């Protein structure tokens, strides 16, 4: 079971409290986690990734095991601690400005 932490506004949109737990088939990657997340919560489609290109939206960041995975390939396997549910996969709304 993979644990996913969403920012508050996406939890509200998906009508969930706290972490989301997902079953992911195969290797745990950003793509497989986001595919499972969007399949379970279709209202999140297009909020984290672009509908057409599947690229990460601006101001959205991904973290796993205290490391920024936002610029990694979506198909890069995530750390074993995330794949086994020990550590969560974090979707974070980034802040911009001065």
PDB file of N, CA and C in Angstrom:
ATOM      1  N   UNK A   1       0.855  -1.175   0.000  1.00  0.00           N
ATOM      2  CA  UNK A   1       0.000   0.000   0.000  1.00  0.00           C
ATOM      3  C   UNK A   1       0.900   1.236   0.000  1.00  0.00           C
ATOM      4  N   UNK A   2       0.671   2.119  -0.924  1.00  0.00           N
ATOM      5  CA  UNK A   2       1.445   3.353  -1.020  1.00  0.00           C
ATOM      6  C   UNK A   2       0.651   4.483  -0.384  1.00  0.00           C
ATOM      7  N   UNK A   3       1.337   5.265   0.423  1.00  0.00           N
ATOM      8  CA  UNK A   3       0.715   6.403   1.111  1.00  0.00           C
ATOM      9  C   UNK A   3       1.016   7.672   0.307  1.00  0.00           C
ATOM     10  N   UNK A   4      -0.013   8.478   0.072  1.00  0.00           N
ATOM     11  CA  UNK A   4       0.129   9.733  -0.665  1.00  0.00           C
ATOM     12  C   UNK A   4      -0.431  10.860   0.189  1.00  0.00           C
ATOM     13  N   UNK A   5       0.354  11.922   0.319  1.00  0.00           N
ATOM     14  CA  UNK A   5      -0.085  13.117   1.039  1.00  0.00           C
ATOM     15  C   UNK A   5      -0.343  14.202  -0.004  1.00  0.00           C
ATOM     16  N   UNK A   6      -1.553  14.720   0.012  1.00  0.00           N
ATOM     17  CA  UNK A   6      -1.964  15.772  -0.928  1.00  0.00           C
ATOM     18  C   UNK A   6      -2.036  17.108  -0.214  1.00  0.00           C
ATOM     19  N   UNK A   7      -1.869  18.220  -0.968  1.00  0.00           N
ATOM     20  CA  UNK A   7      -2.085  19.531  -0.346  1.00  0.00           C
ATOM     21  C   UNK A   7      -3.560  19.706   0.013  1.00  0.00           C
ATOM     22  N   UNK A   8      -3.823  20.604   0.928  1.00  0.00           N
ATOM     23  CA  UNK A   8      -5.175  20.791   1.473  1.00  0.00           C
ATOM     24  C   UNK A   8      -6.228  21.021   0.399  1.00  0.00           C
ATOM     25  N   UNK A   9      -5.927  21.834  -0.601  1.00  0.00           N
ATOM     26  CA  UNK A   9      -6.951  22.140  -1.607  1.00  0.00           C
ATOM     27  C   UNK A   9      -7.300  20.916  -2.450  1.00  0.00           C
ATOM     28  N   UNK A  10      -6.339  20.006  -2.685  1.00  0.00           N
ATOM     29  CA  UNK A  10      -6.652  18.789  -3.438  1.00  0.00           C
ATOM     30  C   UNK A  10      -7.359  17.755  -2.562  1.00  0.00           C
ATOM     31  N   UNK A  11      -7.057  17.728  -1.267  1.00  0.00           N
ATOM     32  CA  UNK A  11      -7.813  16.857  -0.355  1.00  0.00           C
ATOM     33  C   UNK A  11      -9.273  17.291  -0.317  1.00  0.00           C
ATOM     34  N   UNK A  12      -9.498  18.605  -0.284  1.00  0.00           N
ATOM     35  CA  UNK A  12     -10.868  19.123  -0.281  1.00  0.00           C
ATOM     36  C   UNK A  12     -11.586  18.727  -1.569  1.00  0.00           C
ATOM     37  N   UNK A  13     -10.919  18.886  -2.703  1.00  0.00           N
ATOM     38  CA  UNK A  13     -11.507  18.542  -3.992  1.00  0.00           C
ATOM     39  C   UNK A  13     -11.844  17.053  -4.077  1.00  0.00           C
ATOM     40  N   UNK A  14     -10.971  16.212  -3.517  1.00  0.00           N
ATOM     41  CA  UNK A  14     -11.175  14.762  -3.565  1.00  0.00           C
ATOM     42  C   UNK A  14     -12.053  14.251  -2.426  1.00  0.00           C
ATOM     43  N   UNK A  15     -12.428  15.143  -1.510  1.00  0.00           N
ATOM     44  CA  UNK A  15     -13.255  14.771  -0.355  1.00  0.00           C
ATOM     45  C   UNK A  15     -12.582  13.703   0.506  1.00  0.00           C
ATOM     46  N   UNK A  16     -11.294  13.927   0.826  1.00  0.00           N
ATOM     47  CA  UNK A  16     -10.556  13.007   1.697  1.00  0.00           C
ATOM     48  C   UNK A  16      -9.949  13.785   2.856  1.00  0.00           C
ATOM     49  N   UNK A  17      -9.755  13.091   3.956  1.00  0.00           N
ATOM     50  CA  UNK A  17      -9.071  13.652   5.113  1.00  0.00           C
ATOM     51  C   UNK A  17      -7.768  12.887   5.288  1.00  0.00           C
ATOM     52  N   UNK A  18      -6.696  13.597   5.494  1.00  0.00           N
ATOM     53  CA  UNK A  18      -5.416  12.937   5.745  1.00  0.00           C
ATOM     54  C   UNK A  18      -4.819  12.292   4.508  1.00  0.00           C
ATOM     55  N   UNK A  19      -4.055  11.239   4.750  1.00  0.00           N
ATOM     56  CA  UNK A  19      -3.362  10.550   3.665  1.00  0.00           C
ATOM     57  C   UNK A  19      -4.321   9.708   2.833  1.00  0.00           C
ATOM     58  N   UNK A  20      -3.904   9.479   1.594  1.00  0.00           N
ATOM     59  CA  UNK A  20      -4.602   8.571   0.695  1.00  0.00           C
ATOM     60  C   UNK A  20      -3.743   7.316   0.597  1.00  0.00           C
ATOM     61  N   UNK A  21      -4.356   6.156   0.651  1.00  0.00           N
ATOM     62  CA  UNK A  21      -3.615   4.909   0.490  1.00  0.00           C
ATOM     63  C   UNK A  21      -4.056   4.253  -0.806  1.00  0.00           C
ATOM     64  N   UNK A  22      -3.065   3.876  -1.622  1.00  0.00           N
ATOM     65  CA  UNK A  22      -3.338   3.344  -2.952  1.00  0.00           C
ATOM     66  C   UNK A  22      -2.620   2.032  -3.179  1.00  0.00           C
ATOM     67  N   UNK A  23      -3.261   1.162  -3.932  1.00  0.00           N
ATOM     68  CA  UNK A  23      -2.614  -0.038  -4.447  1.00  0.00           C
ATOM     69  C   UNK A  23      -2.074   0.317  -5.822  1.00  0.00           C
ATOM     70  N   UNK A  24      -0.796   0.079  -6.025  1.00  0.00           N
ATOM     71  CA  UNK A  24      -0.173   0.367  -7.323  1.00  0.00           C
ATOM     72  C   UNK A  24       0.360  -0.940  -7.875  1.00  0.00           C
ATOM     73  N   UNK A  25      -0.029  -1.254  -9.096  1.00  0.00           N
ATOM     74  CA  UNK A  25       0.453  -2.476  -9.738  1.00  0.00           C
ATOM     75  C   UNK A  25       1.823  -2.215 -10.339  1.00  0.00           C
ATOM     76  N   UNK A  26       2.716  -3.166 -10.175  1.00  0.00           N
ATOM     77  CA  UNK A  26       4.054  -3.035 -10.741  1.00  0.00           C
ATOM     78  C   UNK A  26       4.938  -2.136  -9.896  1.00  0.00           C
ATOM     79  N   UNK A  27       5.886  -1.509 -10.560  1.00  0.00           N
ATOM     80  CA  UNK A  27       6.885  -0.671  -9.904  1.00  0.00           C
ATOM     81  C   UNK A  27       6.258   0.658  -9.486  1.00  0.00           C
ATOM     82  N   UNK A  28       6.610   1.114  -8.298  1.00  0.00           N
ATOM     83  CA  UNK A  28       6.107   2.408  -7.810  1.00  0.00           C
ATOM     84  C   UNK A  28       6.917   3.535  -8.450  1.00  0.00           C
ATOM     85  N   UNK A  29       6.271   4.284  -9.326  1.00  0.00           N
ATOM     86  CA  UNK A  29       6.865   5.443  -9.983  1.00  0.00           C
ATOM     87  C   UNK A  29       5.904   6.614  -9.823  1.00  0.00           C
ATOM     88  N   UNK A  30       6.367   7.802 -10.156  1.00  0.00           N
ATOM     89  CA  UNK A  30       5.458   8.944 -10.121  1.00  0.00           C
ATOM     90  C   UNK A  30       4.247   8.668 -11.016  1.00  0.00           C
ATOM     91  N   UNK A  31       4.517   8.151 -12.208  1.00  0.00           N
ATOM     92  CA  UNK A  31       3.429   7.901 -13.168  1.00  0.00           C
ATOM     93  C   UNK A  31       2.432   6.882 -12.614  1.00  0.00           C
ATOM     94  N   UNK A  32       2.927   5.765 -12.083  1.00  0.00           N
ATOM     95  CA  UNK A  32       2.007   4.728 -11.600  1.00  0.00           C
ATOM     96  C   UNK A  32       1.194   5.211 -10.396  1.00  0.00           C
ATOM     97  N   UNK A  33       1.815   6.006  -9.533  1.00  0.00           N
ATOM     98  CA  UNK A  33       1.084   6.547  -8.382  1.00  0.00           C
ATOM     99  C   UNK A  33       0.030   7.543  -8.841  1.00  0.00           C
ATOM    100  N   UNK A  34       0.397   8.448  -9.737  1.00  0.00           N
ATOM    101  CA  UNK A  34      -0.569   9.453 -10.199  1.00  0.00           C
ATOM    102  C   UNK A  34      -1.674   8.816 -11.033  1.00  0.00           C
ATOM    103  N   UNK A  35      -1.344   7.782 -11.808  1.00  0.00           N
ATOM    104  CA  UNK A  35      -2.385   7.055 -12.558  1.00  0.00           C
ATOM    105  C   UNK A  35      -3.398   6.435 -11.590  1.00  0.00           C
ATOM    106  N   UNK A  36      -2.893   5.789 -10.530  1.00  0.00           N
ATOM    107  CA  UNK A  36      -3.783   5.156  -9.549  1.00  0.00           C
ATOM    108  C   UNK A  36      -4.596   6.208  -8.794  1.00  0.00           C
ATOM    109  N   UNK A  37      -3.962   7.330  -8.467  1.00  0.00           N
ATOM    110  CA  UNK A  37      -4.644   8.416  -7.751  1.00  0.00           C
ATOM    111  C   UNK A  37      -5.785   8.986  -8.600  1.00  0.00           C
ATOM    112  N   UNK A  38      -5.509   9.254  -9.876  1.00  0.00           N
ATOM    113  CA  UNK A  38      -6.531   9.821 -10.760  1.00  0.00           C
ATOM    114  C   UNK A  38      -7.627   8.805 -11.076  1.00  0.00           C
ATOM    115  N   UNK A  39      -7.296   7.527 -11.103  1.00  0.00           N
ATOM    116  CA  UNK A  39      -8.321   6.500 -11.338  1.00  0.00           C
ATOM    117  C   UNK A  39      -9.274   6.424 -10.146  1.00  0.00           C
ATOM    118  N   UNK A  40      -8.739   6.534  -8.944  1.00  0.00           N
ATOM    119  CA  UNK A  40      -9.572   6.454  -7.745  1.00  0.00           C
ATOM    120  C   UNK A  40     -10.316   7.754  -7.472  1.00  0.00           C
ATOM    121  N   UNK A  41      -9.681   8.872  -7.799  1.00  0.00           N
ATOM    122  CA  UNK A  41     -10.279  10.198  -7.578  1.00  0.00           C
ATOM    123  C   UNK A  41     -10.272  10.965  -8.901  1.00  0.00           C
ATOM    124  N   UNK A  42     -11.219  10.667  -9.804  1.00  0.00           N
ATOM    125  CA  UNK A  42     -11.211  11.291 -11.131  1.00  0.00           C
ATOM    126  C   UNK A  42     -11.327  12.813 -11.102  1.00  0.00           C
ATOM    127  N   UNK A  43     -11.844  13.361  -9.993  1.00  0.00           N
ATOM    128  CA  UNK A  43     -11.934  14.813  -9.908  1.00  0.00           C
ATOM    129  C   UNK A  43     -10.555  15.477  -9.842  1.00  0.00           C
ATOM    130  N   UNK A  44      -9.509  14.698  -9.602  1.00  0.00           N
ATOM    131  CA  UNK A  44      -8.146  15.231  -9.562  1.00  0.00           C
ATOM    132  C   UNK A  44      -7.473  15.243 -10.935  1.00  0.00           C
ATOM    133  N   UNK A  45      -8.105  14.626 -11.927  1.00  0.00           N
ATOM    134  CA  UNK A  45      -7.523  14.616 -13.281  1.00  0.00           C
ATOM    135  C   UNK A  45      -7.331  16.047 -13.768  1.00  0.00           C
ATOM    136  N   UNK A  46      -6.122  16.329 -14.209  1.00  0.00           N
ATOM    137  CA  UNK A  46      -5.814  17.663 -14.721  1.00  0.00           C
ATOM    138  C   UNK A  46      -5.354  18.641 -13.657  1.00  0.00           C
ATOM    139  N   UNK A  47      -5.436  18.286 -12.389  1.00  0.00           N
ATOM    140  CA  UNK A  47      -5.017  19.209 -11.332  1.00  0.00           C
ATOM    141  C   UNK A  47      -3.537  19.067 -10.999  1.00  0.00           C
ATOM    142  N   UNK A  48      -3.007  17.865 -11.144  1.00  0.00           N
ATOM    143  CA  UNK A  48      -1.608  17.601 -10.822  1.00  0.00           C
ATOM    144  C   UNK A  48      -0.780  17.528 -12.096  1.00  0.00           C
ATOM    145  N   UNK A  49      -1.364  16.926 -13.133  1.00  0.00           N
ATOM    146  CA  UNK A  49      -0.701  16.807 -14.436  1.00  0.00           C
ATOM    147  C   UNK A  49      -1.612  17.369 -15.521  1.00  0.00           C
ATOM    148  N   UNK A  50      -0.991  17.857 -16.576  1.00  0.00           N
ATOM    149  CA  UNK A  50      -1.732  18.343 -17.730  1.00  0.00           C
ATOM    150  C   UNK A  50      -2.491  17.186 -18.374  1.00  0.00           C
ATOM    151  N   UNK A  51      -3.729  17.435 -18.823  1.00  0.00           N
ATOM    152  CA  UNK A  51      -4.558  16.394 -19.438  1.00  0.00           C
ATOM    153  C   UNK A  51      -3.876  15.758 -20.649  1.00  0.00           C
ATOM    154  N   UNK A  52      -3.273  16.588 -21.492  1.00  0.00           N
ATOM    155  CA  UNK A  52      -2.737  16.111 -22.768  1.00  0.00           C
ATOM    156  C   UNK A  52      -1.302  15.606 -22.637  1.00  0.00           C
ATOM    157  N   UNK A  53      -0.421  16.432 -22.093  1.00  0.00           N
ATOM    158  CA  UNK A  53       0.997  16.085 -22.060  1.00  0.00           C
ATOM    159  C   UNK A  53       1.385  15.199 -20.882  1.00  0.00           C
ATOM    160  N   UNK A  54       0.548  15.133 -19.853  1.00  0.00           N
ATOM    161  CA  UNK A  54       0.834  14.394 -18.631  1.00  0.00           C
ATOM    162  C   UNK A  54       2.038  14.956 -17.865  1.00  0.00           C
ATOM    163  N   UNK A  55       2.446  16.179 -18.208  1.00  0.00           N
ATOM    164  CA  UNK A  55       3.539  16.844 -17.504  1.00  0.00           C
ATOM    165  C   UNK A  55       3.032  17.433 -16.196  1.00  0.00           C
ATOM    166  N   UNK A  56       3.903  17.456 -15.204  1.00  0.00           N
ATOM    167  CA  UNK A  56       3.584  18.043 -13.901  1.00  0.00           C
ATOM    168  C   UNK A  56       3.170  19.502 -14.096  1.00  0.00           C
ATOM    169  N   UNK A  57       2.117  19.901 -13.412  1.00  0.00           N
ATOM    170  CA  UNK A  57       1.660  21.292 -13.475  1.00  0.00           C
ATOM    171  C   UNK A  57       2.676  22.209 -12.784  1.00  0.00           C
ATOM    172  N   UNK A  58       2.766  23.469 -13.245  1.00  0.00           N
ATOM    173  CA  UNK A  58       3.625  24.425 -12.543  1.00  0.00           C
ATOM    174  C   UNK A  58       3.153  24.574 -11.096  1.00  0.00           C
ATOM    175  N   UNK A  59       4.072  24.799 -10.208  1.00  0.00           N
ATOM    176  CA  UNK A  59       3.798  25.004  -8.782  1.00  0.00           C
ATOM    177  C   UNK A  59       3.341  23.742  -8.051  1.00  0.00           C
ATOM    178  N   UNK A  60       3.527  22.583  -8.691  1.00  0.00           N
ATOM    179  CA  UNK A  60       3.308  21.307  -8.014  1.00  0.00           C
ATOM    180  C   UNK A  60       4.667  20.625  -7.936  1.00  0.00           C
ATOM    181  N   UNK A  61       5.012  20.114  -6.771  1.00  0.00           N
ATOM    182  CA  UNK A  61       6.285  19.432  -6.558  1.00  0.00           C
ATOM    183  C   UNK A  61       6.006  18.056  -5.961  1.00  0.00           C
ATOM    184  N   UNK A  62       6.930  17.117  -6.198  1.00  0.00           N
ATOM    185  CA  UNK A  62       6.826  15.774  -5.667  1.00  0.00           C
ATOM    186  C   UNK A  62       8.029  15.486  -4.773  1.00  0.00           C
ATOM    187  N   UNK A  63       7.763  14.933  -3.597  1.00  0.00           N
ATOM    188  CA  UNK A  63       8.834  14.585  -2.670  1.00  0.00           C
ATOM    189  C   UNK A  63       8.667  13.142  -2.211  1.00  0.00           C
ATOM    190  N   UNK A  64       9.811  12.475  -2.064  1.00  0.00           N
ATOM    191  CA  UNK A  64       9.854  11.110  -1.529  1.00  0.00           C
ATOM    192  C   UNK A  64      11.118  10.988  -0.692  1.00  0.00           C
ATOM    193  N   UNK A  65      10.975  10.513   0.523  1.00  0.00           N
ATOM    194  CA  UNK A  65      12.111  10.331   1.434  1.00  0.00           C
ATOM    195  C   UNK A  65      12.931  11.617   1.578  1.00  0.00           C
ATOM    196  N   UNK A  66      12.223  12.725   1.742  1.00  0.00           N
ATOM    197  CA  UNK A  66      12.817  14.041   1.963  1.00  0.00           C
ATOM    198  C   UNK A  66      13.649  14.547   0.784  1.00  0.00           C
ATOM    199  N   UNK A  67      13.416  14.013  -0.405  1.00  0.00           N
ATOM    200  CA  UNK A  67      14.119  14.468  -1.600  1.00  0.00           C
ATOM    201  C   UNK A  67      13.107  14.895  -2.653  1.00  0.00           C
ATOM    202  N   UNK A  68      13.470  15.954  -3.388  1.00  0.00           N
ATOM    203  CA  UNK A  68      12.620  16.484  -4.445  1.00  0.00           C
ATOM    204  C   UNK A  68      12.746  15.598  -5.686  1.00  0.00           C
ATOM    205  N   UNK A  69      11.650  15.003  -6.098  1.00  0.00           N
ATOM    206  CA  UNK A  69      11.607  14.138  -7.281  1.00  0.00           C
ATOM    207  C   UNK A  69      10.898  14.814  -8.448  1.00  0.00           C
ATOM    208  N   UNK A  70      10.626  16.095  -8.332  1.00  0.00           N
ATOM    209  CA  UNK A  70       9.817  16.806  -9.328  1.00  0.00           C
ATOM    210  C   UNK A  70      10.415  16.784 -10.718  1.00  0.00           C
ATOM    211  N   UNK A  71      11.717  16.834 -10.825  1.00  0.00           N
ATOM    212  CA  UNK A  71      12.358  16.902 -12.144  1.00  0.00           C
ATOM    213  C   UNK A  71      12.884  15.560 -12.622  1.00  0.00           C
ATOM    214  N   UNK A  72      12.615  14.506 -11.866  1.00  0.00           N
ATOM    215  CA  UNK A  72      13.008  13.154 -12.297  1.00  0.00           C
ATOM    216  C   UNK A  72      12.022  12.666 -13.359  1.00  0.00           C
ATOM    217  N   UNK A  73      12.448  11.684 -14.121  1.00  0.00           N
ATOM    218  CA  UNK A  73      11.556  11.067 -15.098  1.00  0.00           C
ATOM    219  C   UNK A  73      10.359  10.456 -14.370  1.00  0.00           C
ATOM    220  N   UNK A  74       9.158  10.599 -14.920  1.00  0.00           N
ATOM    221  CA  UNK A  74       7.976  10.019 -14.272  1.00  0.00           C
ATOM    222  C   UNK A  74       8.045   8.503 -14.131  1.00  0.00           C
ATOM    223  N   UNK A  75       8.943   7.854 -14.881  1.00  0.00           N
ATOM    224  CA  UNK A  75       9.048   6.401 -14.848  1.00  0.00           C
ATOM    225  C   UNK A  75      10.228   5.898 -14.018  1.00  0.00           C
ATOM    226  N   UNK A  76      10.917   6.795 -13.332  1.00  0.00           N
ATOM    227  CA  UNK A  76      12.010   6.393 -12.445  1.00  0.00           C
ATOM    228  C   UNK A  76      11.418   5.726 -11.209  1.00  0.00           C
ATOM    229  N   UNK A  77      11.886   4.535 -10.868  1.00  0.00           N
ATOM    230  CA  UNK A  77      11.368   3.880  -9.653  1.00  0.00           C
ATOM    231  C   UNK A  77      11.632   4.733  -8.412  1.00  0.00           C
ATOM    232  N   UNK A  78      10.621   4.825  -7.564  1.00  0.00           N
ATOM    233  CA  UNK A  78      10.741   5.568  -6.313  1.00  0.00           C
ATOM    234  C   UNK A  78      11.436   4.695  -5.270  1.00  0.00           C
ATOM    235  N   UNK A  79      11.942   5.311  -4.203  1.00  0.00           N
ATOM    236  CA  UNK A  79      12.630   4.533  -3.168  1.00  0.00           C
ATOM    237  C   UNK A  79      11.758   3.421  -2.592  1.00  0.00           C
ATOM    238  N   UNK A  80      12.405   2.353  -2.153  1.00  0.00           N
ATOM    239  CA  UNK A  80      11.718   1.196  -1.582  1.00  0.00           C
ATOM    240  C   UNK A  80      10.851   1.581  -0.383  1.00  0.00           C
ATOM    241  N   UNK A  81      11.292   2.573   0.396  1.00  0.00           N
ATOM    242  CA  UNK A  81      10.505   3.005   1.561  1.00  0.00           C
ATOM    243  C   UNK A  81       9.148   3.569   1.148  1.00  0.00           C
ATOM    244  N   UNK A  82       9.078   4.187  -0.021  1.00  0.00           N
ATOM    245  CA  UNK A  82       7.795   4.690  -0.536  1.00  0.00           C
ATOM    246  C   UNK A  82       6.983   3.526  -1.091  1.00  0.00           C
ATOM    247  N   UNK A  83       7.633   2.653  -1.832  1.00  0.00           N
ATOM    248  CA  UNK A  83       6.943   1.516  -2.456  1.00  0.00           C
ATOM    249  C   UNK A  83       6.317   0.590  -1.418  1.00  0.00           C
ATOM    250  N   UNK A  84       6.920   0.502  -0.236  1.00  0.00           N
ATOM    251  CA  UNK A  84       6.400  -0.379   0.809  1.00  0.00           C
ATOM    252  C   UNK A  84       5.478   0.334   1.789  1.00  0.00           C
ATOM    253  N   UNK A  85       5.294   1.636   1.626  1.00  0.00           N
ATOM    254  CA  UNK A  85       4.384   2.382   2.477  1.00  0.00           C
ATOM    255  C   UNK A  85       4.982   2.875   3.783  1.00  0.00           C
ATOM    256  N   UNK A  86       6.288   2.695   3.964  1.00  0.00           N
ATOM    257  CA  UNK A  86       6.943   3.185   5.176  1.00  0.00           C
ATOM    258  C   UNK A  86       6.983   4.712   5.161  1.00  0.00           C
ATOM    259  N   UNK A  87       7.349   5.280   4.017  1.00  0.00           N
ATOM    260  CA  UNK A  87       7.391   6.729   3.831  1.00  0.00           C
ATOM    261  C   UNK A  87       6.313   7.123   2.820  1.00  0.00           C
ATOM    262  N   UNK A  88       5.710   8.307   2.972  1.00  0.00           N
ATOM    263  CA  UNK A  88       4.692   8.736   2.002  1.00  0.00           C
ATOM    264  C   UNK A  88       5.307   9.397   0.773  1.00  0.00           C
ATOM    265  N   UNK A  89       4.531   9.421  -0.293  1.00  0.00           N
ATOM    266  CA  UNK A  89       4.834  10.205  -1.493  1.00  0.00           C
ATOM    267  C   UNK A  89       4.081  11.507  -1.316  1.00  0.00           C
ATOM    268  N   UNK A  90       4.791  12.627  -1.344  1.00  0.00           N
ATOM    269  CA  UNK A  90       4.153  13.917  -1.085  1.00  0.00           C
ATOM    270  C   UNK A  90       3.943  14.709  -2.370  1.00  0.00           C
ATOM    271  N   UNK A  91       2.735  15.187  -2.563  1.00  0.00           N
ATOM    272  CA  UNK A  91       2.396  16.123  -3.631  1.00  0.00           C
ATOM    273  C   UNK A  91       2.255  17.465  -2.925  1.00  0.00           C
ATOM    274  N   UNK A  92       3.109  18.415  -3.293  1.00  0.00           N
ATOM    275  CA  UNK A  92       3.183  19.676  -2.566  1.00  0.00           C
ATOM    276  C   UNK A  92       2.882  20.838  -3.507  1.00  0.00           C
ATOM    277  N   UNK A  93       2.025  21.734  -3.054  1.00  0.00           N
ATOM    278  CA  UNK A  93       1.769  22.967  -3.789  1.00  0.00           C
ATOM    279  C   UNK A  93       2.878  23.955  -3.483  1.00  0.00           C
ATOM    280  N   UNK A  94       3.689  24.302  -4.486  1.00  0.00           N
ATOM    281  CA  UNK A  94       4.811  25.206  -4.282  1.00  0.00           C
ATOM    282  C   UNK A  94       4.319  26.653  -4.180  1.00  0.00           C
ATOM    283  N   UNK A  95       5.112  27.477  -3.541  1.00  0.00           N
ATOM    284  CA  UNK A  95       4.791  28.882  -3.362  1.00  0.00           C
ATOM    285  C   UNK A  95       5.783  29.710  -4.157  1.00  0.00           C
ATOM    286  N   UNK A  96       5.298  30.724  -4.844  1.00  0.00           N
ATOM    287  CA  UNK A  96       6.172  31.599  -5.609  1.00  0.00           C
ATOM    288  C   UNK A  96       5.969  33.031  -5.144  1.00  0.00           C
ATOM    289  N   UNK A  97       6.917  33.840  -5.418  1.00  0.00           N
ATOM    290  CA  UNK A  97       6.789  35.248  -5.051  1.00  0.00           C
ATOM    291  C   UNK A  97       7.935  35.683  -4.184  1.00  0.00           C
ATOM    292  N   UNK A  98       7.918  36.942  -3.799  1.00  0.00           N
ATOM    293  CA  UNK A  98       9.047  37.451  -3.035  1.00  0.00           C
ATOM    294  C   UNK A  98       8.710  38.022  -1.724  1.00  0.00           C
TER     295      UNK A  98
END
